Protein backbone atom coordinates (compact mmCIF):
# COMPACT_ATOMS: atom_id res chain seq x y z
CA MET A 1 35.62 18.27 -133.79
CA LEU A 2 38.63 18.21 -135.45
CA ALA A 3 38.75 21.79 -136.73
CA LEU A 4 38.83 22.17 -132.50
CA SER A 5 41.66 19.62 -131.80
CA GLY A 6 43.69 21.04 -134.36
CA LEU A 7 43.26 23.94 -132.41
CA VAL A 8 44.44 22.83 -129.15
CA LEU A 9 47.00 20.97 -130.92
CA ILE A 10 48.23 24.42 -132.40
CA PHE A 11 47.70 26.19 -128.63
CA LEU A 12 49.48 23.44 -126.52
CA ALA A 13 53.15 23.91 -129.30
CA ALA A 14 53.10 27.33 -128.60
CA PHE A 15 52.26 27.55 -125.33
CA LEU A 16 55.60 24.67 -125.29
CA ILE A 17 57.44 27.55 -127.42
CA PHE A 18 56.21 29.84 -125.26
CA ALA A 19 57.30 28.09 -122.12
CA THR A 20 61.41 27.07 -124.36
CA ALA A 21 62.09 30.66 -125.17
CA THR A 22 61.20 32.01 -121.57
CA ASP A 23 63.10 29.53 -119.38
CA TYR A 24 65.12 30.58 -116.96
CA LYS A 25 68.25 29.16 -117.52
CA PRO A 26 70.93 30.38 -114.19
CA ALA A 27 74.97 29.77 -114.71
CA GLU A 28 77.08 26.93 -112.89
CA LYS A 29 78.14 29.67 -110.35
CA GLU A 30 76.89 33.32 -110.56
CA THR A 31 78.18 36.13 -108.43
CA ILE A 32 75.35 37.81 -106.26
CA ALA A 33 75.79 42.16 -106.48
CA MET A 34 75.78 43.19 -102.79
CA VAL A 35 75.66 46.12 -102.05
CA GLU A 36 77.85 48.21 -99.19
CA THR A 37 77.22 48.93 -95.56
CA SER A 38 78.85 49.89 -92.65
CA LEU A 39 78.19 46.70 -91.38
CA PRO A 40 81.53 45.58 -89.61
CA ASP A 41 83.20 43.68 -92.21
CA THR A 42 85.12 41.20 -89.77
CA ILE A 43 83.58 38.08 -87.32
CA GLN A 44 85.16 38.54 -83.89
CA ALA A 45 85.96 34.69 -83.62
CA GLY A 46 83.81 33.42 -80.66
CA PHE A 47 79.94 33.06 -80.63
CA LEU A 48 77.33 33.35 -83.70
CA LYS A 49 73.25 32.71 -84.02
CA LEU A 50 72.17 31.97 -86.10
CA TYR A 51 68.35 30.74 -88.09
CA THR A 52 67.27 29.36 -90.69
CA TRP A 53 62.85 28.95 -91.73
CA ASN A 54 61.99 27.82 -95.44
CA ILE A 55 58.94 30.55 -95.17
CA GLY A 56 56.63 28.43 -97.47
CA TYR A 57 56.37 31.84 -99.42
CA CYS A 58 53.12 32.64 -96.38
CA GLY A 59 51.43 30.70 -98.87
CA LEU A 60 51.18 27.67 -96.25
CA GLY A 61 50.12 28.56 -93.39
CA LYS A 62 48.19 25.82 -90.50
CA ASN A 63 44.86 26.19 -92.63
CA MET A 64 46.28 24.72 -95.91
CA ASP A 65 46.43 22.39 -98.06
CA PHE A 66 48.64 22.08 -100.90
CA PHE A 67 47.78 19.97 -104.82
CA TYR A 68 51.32 19.08 -105.68
CA GLU A 69 51.14 16.66 -102.31
CA GLY A 70 47.67 15.41 -102.08
CA GLY A 71 45.41 18.53 -101.29
CA LYS A 72 43.30 20.76 -103.45
CA MET A 73 44.06 24.12 -102.89
CA VAL A 74 46.72 26.05 -105.31
CA ARG A 75 46.74 29.53 -103.41
CA PRO A 76 45.56 30.82 -100.20
CA ASP A 77 43.22 33.46 -100.21
CA ARG A 78 44.28 37.32 -100.07
CA LYS A 79 43.47 38.41 -96.48
CA TYR A 80 44.80 34.47 -95.09
CA TYR A 81 47.69 35.16 -97.16
CA GLU A 82 48.24 38.64 -95.68
CA LEU A 83 48.30 37.34 -92.69
CA CYS A 84 51.06 34.33 -92.37
CA ARG A 85 53.25 37.14 -93.88
CA ASP A 86 52.55 39.39 -91.25
CA GLY A 87 52.82 36.63 -88.67
CA VAL A 88 56.37 35.25 -90.47
CA ILE A 89 57.77 38.76 -90.35
CA SER A 90 56.32 39.62 -86.52
CA GLN A 91 58.19 36.14 -85.99
CA LEU A 92 61.28 36.93 -87.25
CA THR A 93 61.67 41.03 -86.02
CA THR A 94 61.59 38.41 -82.95
CA LEU A 95 64.43 36.82 -82.28
CA ASN A 96 66.44 39.24 -80.96
CA LYS A 97 68.49 39.84 -83.90
CA PRO A 98 71.18 36.62 -84.79
CA ASP A 99 73.95 36.82 -86.39
CA PHE A 100 72.19 35.59 -89.79
CA ILE A 101 69.53 34.08 -91.43
CA LEU A 102 68.79 32.25 -93.65
CA LEU A 103 65.30 31.74 -95.98
CA GLN A 104 64.35 29.78 -98.18
CA GLU A 105 61.19 29.95 -100.40
CA VAL A 106 60.60 33.46 -100.57
CA ASP A 107 58.34 35.54 -103.18
CA GLN A 108 58.56 38.01 -105.48
CA HIS A 109 56.05 39.00 -108.20
CA SER A 110 54.40 35.84 -107.77
CA ASP A 111 50.66 35.29 -109.04
CA ARG A 112 50.18 32.64 -105.74
CA THR A 113 51.23 35.89 -103.77
CA TYR A 114 49.55 38.35 -104.84
CA LEU A 115 52.31 39.80 -106.61
CA ASP A 116 53.82 40.46 -103.55
CA ASP A 117 57.33 41.46 -103.07
CA GLN A 118 58.04 39.05 -100.08
CA VAL A 119 61.93 40.19 -100.43
CA GLU A 120 61.20 43.86 -99.31
CA LYS A 121 59.40 44.00 -97.36
CA ILE A 122 61.22 41.30 -94.74
CA THR A 123 64.17 43.22 -95.67
CA SER A 124 62.58 46.64 -94.52
CA ALA A 125 61.59 45.38 -91.52
CA LEU A 126 64.53 44.05 -90.52
CA THR A 127 66.70 46.77 -90.00
CA GLY A 128 70.78 46.24 -89.03
CA TYR A 129 71.01 43.45 -91.87
CA THR A 130 72.67 43.43 -95.01
CA SER A 131 70.88 40.97 -97.37
CA PHE A 132 70.83 39.17 -100.97
CA PHE A 133 68.70 36.86 -103.12
CA ALA A 134 69.04 34.41 -105.40
CA LEU A 135 66.50 32.77 -107.49
CA ASN A 136 65.14 29.07 -107.25
CA TYR A 137 62.11 29.16 -109.32
CA MET A 138 61.69 31.43 -112.02
CA VAL A 139 58.55 30.48 -114.83
CA LYS A 140 56.15 32.41 -116.22
CA PHE A 141 53.45 30.22 -116.38
CA VAL A 142 52.72 27.71 -114.78
CA PRO A 143 50.19 25.14 -115.79
CA VAL A 144 48.53 23.63 -113.07
CA PRO A 145 46.11 23.16 -112.22
CA ILE A 146 43.94 22.98 -115.51
CA THR A 147 41.33 24.09 -113.53
CA SER A 148 43.23 26.78 -111.34
CA PRO A 149 46.61 27.44 -112.55
CA MET A 150 49.56 28.85 -110.48
CA GLY A 151 50.92 31.55 -113.31
CA LYS A 152 53.50 33.22 -112.51
CA VAL A 153 55.61 31.74 -109.97
CA GLN A 154 59.19 34.34 -108.86
CA SER A 155 60.86 32.70 -105.94
CA GLY A 156 63.72 32.33 -104.45
CA ILE A 157 66.54 32.28 -101.41
CA LEU A 158 67.19 34.82 -99.08
CA THR A 159 70.41 35.37 -96.58
CA LEU A 160 70.21 38.45 -94.32
CA SER A 161 73.92 38.99 -92.71
CA ARG A 162 75.14 41.02 -89.71
CA PHE A 163 78.69 41.37 -91.26
CA GLN A 164 79.35 42.97 -94.74
CA PRO A 165 80.36 39.84 -96.37
CA ILE A 166 83.76 39.59 -99.48
CA GLU A 167 81.81 37.69 -101.67
CA ALA A 168 78.52 35.82 -102.38
CA THR A 169 77.81 32.91 -104.56
CA ARG A 170 74.79 31.23 -106.30
CA TYR A 171 75.31 27.84 -107.37
CA LYS A 172 73.14 25.62 -109.81
CA PHE A 173 72.12 22.25 -108.36
CA PRO A 174 72.00 19.84 -111.58
CA SER A 175 68.86 18.97 -111.91
CA ALA A 176 67.63 15.95 -113.90
CA TYR A 177 63.96 17.02 -115.02
CA SER A 178 62.95 16.22 -118.39
CA TRP A 179 61.58 18.17 -121.25
CA PRO A 180 59.39 19.74 -120.97
CA LYS A 181 58.77 18.52 -117.70
CA ARG A 182 61.85 20.96 -116.47
CA LEU A 183 59.91 24.06 -117.71
CA PHE A 184 58.18 24.42 -114.89
CA MET A 185 59.86 22.87 -112.37
CA LEU A 186 62.05 24.46 -109.62
CA ASP A 187 66.41 26.46 -110.45
CA ARG A 188 67.31 24.47 -107.16
CA CYS A 189 70.61 26.11 -105.90
CA PHE A 190 72.28 27.27 -102.47
CA VAL A 191 73.71 30.35 -102.08
CA LEU A 192 77.69 30.53 -100.45
CA SER A 193 78.87 33.57 -98.89
CA ARG A 194 82.19 33.77 -97.31
CA TYR A 195 83.15 36.67 -94.27
CA LYS A 196 86.59 37.54 -92.67
CA VAL A 197 87.32 36.32 -89.13
CA SER A 198 89.33 37.64 -86.76
CA ASN A 199 91.82 35.04 -86.47
CA GLY A 200 92.56 35.38 -90.13
CA LYS A 201 90.51 32.93 -91.55
CA GLN A 202 87.09 32.57 -92.94
CA LEU A 203 83.70 31.64 -92.74
CA VAL A 204 81.43 29.78 -95.34
CA LEU A 205 78.18 29.65 -94.70
CA ILE A 206 75.53 28.13 -96.80
CA ASN A 207 71.95 28.24 -97.16
CA THR A 208 70.68 25.71 -99.30
CA HIS A 209 67.39 24.34 -100.12
CA ASN A 210 67.19 20.20 -102.35
CA SER A 211 65.47 19.35 -104.05
CA ALA A 212 61.88 17.50 -102.95
CA TYR A 213 59.26 15.02 -104.11
CA ALA A 214 59.54 11.00 -104.43
CA ASP A 215 60.99 11.83 -108.38
CA ALA A 216 63.58 14.08 -107.32
CA VAL A 217 65.39 11.02 -105.54
CA GLU A 218 68.65 10.92 -107.66
CA MET A 219 68.99 15.11 -107.62
CA ARG A 220 69.38 14.45 -103.39
CA ALA A 221 72.77 12.91 -104.41
CA LYS A 222 74.06 14.82 -106.64
CA GLU A 223 73.10 17.72 -104.75
CA LEU A 224 74.68 16.21 -101.74
CA LYS A 225 77.91 15.37 -103.12
CA LEU A 226 78.81 19.46 -104.33
CA ILE A 227 77.51 20.91 -101.20
CA LYS A 228 79.54 18.03 -99.12
CA ASP A 229 82.90 18.80 -101.86
CA ILE A 230 82.52 22.02 -101.38
CA CYS A 231 82.47 22.03 -97.13
CA VAL A 232 85.19 19.41 -97.14
CA ASN A 233 87.21 22.11 -99.03
CA GLU A 234 86.45 24.62 -97.59
CA TYR A 235 87.81 23.55 -94.43
CA SER A 236 90.98 22.25 -96.16
CA LYS A 237 92.04 25.56 -95.64
CA GLY A 238 91.04 26.38 -92.59
CA ASN A 239 88.04 27.77 -92.75
CA TYR A 240 85.11 27.86 -90.54
CA VAL A 241 81.84 25.98 -92.48
CA ILE A 242 78.49 26.18 -91.76
CA ALA A 243 75.57 24.35 -94.57
CA GLY A 244 71.96 25.11 -92.75
CA GLY A 245 67.91 25.50 -94.77
CA ASP A 246 65.98 23.24 -96.10
CA TRP A 247 67.31 19.75 -96.93
CA ASN A 248 64.08 18.25 -97.48
CA GLN A 249 65.94 15.07 -96.25
CA ASN A 250 66.26 13.86 -92.21
CA PRO A 251 69.68 13.94 -90.48
CA LEU A 252 71.06 11.57 -90.13
CA PRO A 253 70.92 11.28 -85.96
CA PHE A 254 66.70 11.54 -86.89
CA LYS A 255 64.62 8.86 -84.82
CA PRO A 256 61.40 9.81 -85.60
CA GLY A 257 60.58 8.22 -81.55
CA GLN A 258 62.39 10.98 -80.55
CA ILE A 259 59.54 13.95 -81.01
CA GLN A 260 57.73 14.90 -77.65
CA ASP A 261 55.21 17.90 -78.35
CA GLY A 262 52.36 15.23 -79.52
CA ASN A 263 52.73 15.71 -83.26
CA ILE A 264 53.26 11.77 -85.48
CA ALA A 265 56.66 12.07 -87.19
CA LYS A 266 57.64 10.28 -89.63
CA ALA A 267 61.33 9.36 -91.53
CA ILE A 268 62.37 10.26 -94.96
CA THR A 269 63.48 7.90 -98.15
CA PRO A 270 65.75 7.38 -98.52
CA GLY A 271 67.79 8.75 -96.39
CA ILE A 272 71.30 10.09 -96.32
CA PRO A 273 73.98 8.09 -96.80
CA SER A 274 75.45 6.80 -94.00
CA ASP A 275 79.27 7.88 -95.07
CA PHE A 276 78.16 11.65 -96.04
CA LEU A 277 79.34 13.92 -93.60
CA PRO A 278 83.50 13.32 -93.13
CA ALA A 279 84.61 12.82 -89.09
CA GLY A 280 84.15 15.29 -87.22
CA PHE A 281 81.49 17.20 -89.23
CA GLU A 282 78.10 17.29 -86.95
CA TRP A 283 75.30 17.23 -87.63
CA ALA A 284 72.71 20.13 -86.24
CA PHE A 285 69.17 20.43 -85.03
CA ASP A 286 66.96 19.75 -81.93
CA PRO A 287 65.44 16.10 -81.94
CA ARG A 288 62.50 17.37 -79.62
CA TYR A 289 60.43 18.95 -82.14
CA PRO A 290 59.62 18.41 -86.48
CA THR A 291 60.43 21.35 -88.73
CA ASN A 292 58.09 20.69 -91.78
CA ARG A 293 54.57 18.63 -91.77
CA ASP A 294 53.14 17.30 -94.44
CA VAL A 295 50.68 19.34 -96.99
CA ASP A 296 47.96 17.23 -98.22
CA LYS A 297 45.37 18.27 -95.32
CA PRO A 298 45.89 21.76 -93.09
CA TYR A 299 47.51 20.98 -90.36
CA SER A 300 46.22 18.99 -86.85
CA LYS A 301 47.83 18.28 -83.90
CA GLY A 302 48.19 14.83 -83.21
CA LYS A 303 47.28 13.55 -86.92
CA THR A 304 48.91 15.67 -89.57
CA LEU A 305 52.47 14.07 -90.10
CA THR A 306 55.84 15.64 -89.64
CA THR A 307 59.13 15.17 -89.56
CA ILE A 308 62.90 17.07 -89.47
CA ILE A 309 64.43 18.65 -92.18
CA ASP A 310 65.39 21.66 -91.64
CA PHE A 311 69.04 21.63 -89.99
CA TYR A 312 73.04 22.16 -89.78
CA ILE A 313 75.87 21.21 -90.71
CA LEU A 314 79.54 22.88 -89.49
CA SER A 315 83.11 22.31 -89.73
CA PRO A 316 85.12 20.59 -87.13
CA ASN A 317 86.31 23.47 -86.24
CA ILE A 318 83.28 24.69 -84.62
CA THR A 319 81.38 23.81 -81.51
CA LEU A 320 77.40 23.69 -80.97
CA HIS A 321 76.26 24.82 -77.95
CA THR A 322 72.40 25.22 -78.80
CA THR A 323 69.37 24.02 -80.83
CA ASN A 324 66.75 25.05 -80.90
CA THR A 325 63.24 24.59 -83.24
CA LEU A 326 60.89 27.66 -82.26
CA GLN A 327 56.98 26.17 -82.00
CA ASN A 328 54.49 28.25 -83.78
CA ASN A 329 52.32 24.83 -84.34
CA PHE A 330 52.91 25.76 -88.70
CA ALA A 331 50.63 28.30 -87.79
CA PHE A 332 52.22 31.11 -90.56
CA ALA A 333 54.31 27.70 -92.88
CA ASP A 334 55.01 24.53 -93.46
CA HIS A 335 58.48 24.42 -91.75
CA GLN A 336 59.12 25.83 -88.68
CA PRO A 337 62.32 27.73 -88.11
CA VAL A 338 65.29 26.48 -85.96
CA GLY A 339 67.58 28.05 -84.27
CA MET A 340 71.21 27.83 -83.69
CA GLU A 341 74.95 29.23 -81.22
CA VAL A 342 77.81 28.34 -82.11
CA GLU A 343 81.37 29.05 -80.96
CA LEU A 344 84.17 28.81 -83.79
CA LYS A 345 87.24 27.79 -81.94
C-alpha cells in the first residue's frame, strides 16, 4: 500500500511539473499577425452592423449540461457535436454579412471537439471577411473530471471584419488564480482592432470574453477597469469605441422581469458598479430575450434559468439604432447571438 501511494505521489508530482513547464504564458500585450487583403481599408462614417456570439465551442447545445457548472456531461458525442457545429456555421452564414462578427469560445484542435479546427471552418464558410484569432485557453491536458478528463484544450476569440484593420492586439486580463489551479484555467483576454474612418478618426473595436464563475469576482472588477480605461482614453482622442462580447455580467439597465419570451431570467450578482460607464457612454442590448442559459441541466424553456450577459458598450459619438437577440432556443450553444446597428456620428 505504501508503495502504491508513493507511485501515485510521484505521478502527481510529475504531472504538475509537466503542466507547469507547458503552461501558456501570454504577454500583457501582443500584436496579432494579419493577412493583407483587398478589403476596404477605410470605413465610411455612417451605419455599421455587428453581431456577437459566444458559440460555446459548439459543444453546449440545448441537449447538453456541463460538469463544471452542476451538470454531469463533459463533452458531446461526435454526432451531436457536428450537428451543433454545422448549426452555428449555418446561422452565421444567414446573418446577411454584418460588418463585424465577434465570436468567443472558438475551438482549435481540442479533445472536447474531436480536434476539429473551428477557426478554419468558420472563416472558410464566411467569405468576404478578414479574421484574427487570439488564444485564451491553451492547456495540454485538463485532468478533470477524473473519470473522463477534458484533455487538451485550445480555444479563443475570433473577430471577423469586412474592413482591413490598421492593427489587431491581444490584451491579457489579470488573473487571481493561484498555482496549481491557474495551470488548468483560461488565460482571459480581449482583442482590440483598429480601423481608419473616412473623417480622419478611428474606430476601436473590442472583442471580450470576461471571467466567469463565483470565484472570479475580483478578476471581473480588474477586467472592467482595464476595458474602461482603454475606452475612455480612445474616446478622449476623438475615436469611436465599441466593446462587445461575453461579459459574464449583466449590463446595468438589465431587469430580469423584462424578458418576454417565456424564459425565466435571473440577475448575476455582484453586478457591474453603477459608476462604471462615464457620462455619455451607452449600453447596447436587447432587453426582451436572454442571451445565456444555465448549463446545470439540458435546456427546457420556462424551467432553465437564463440571463443577459452578451452586450455592447458604445462611446458617446456613436448613435445606437437597433439591437436584436436572435432567438434560436439555445439550439447550438448556451448563448444566443446579439445583433446591433449603429451610426458613427
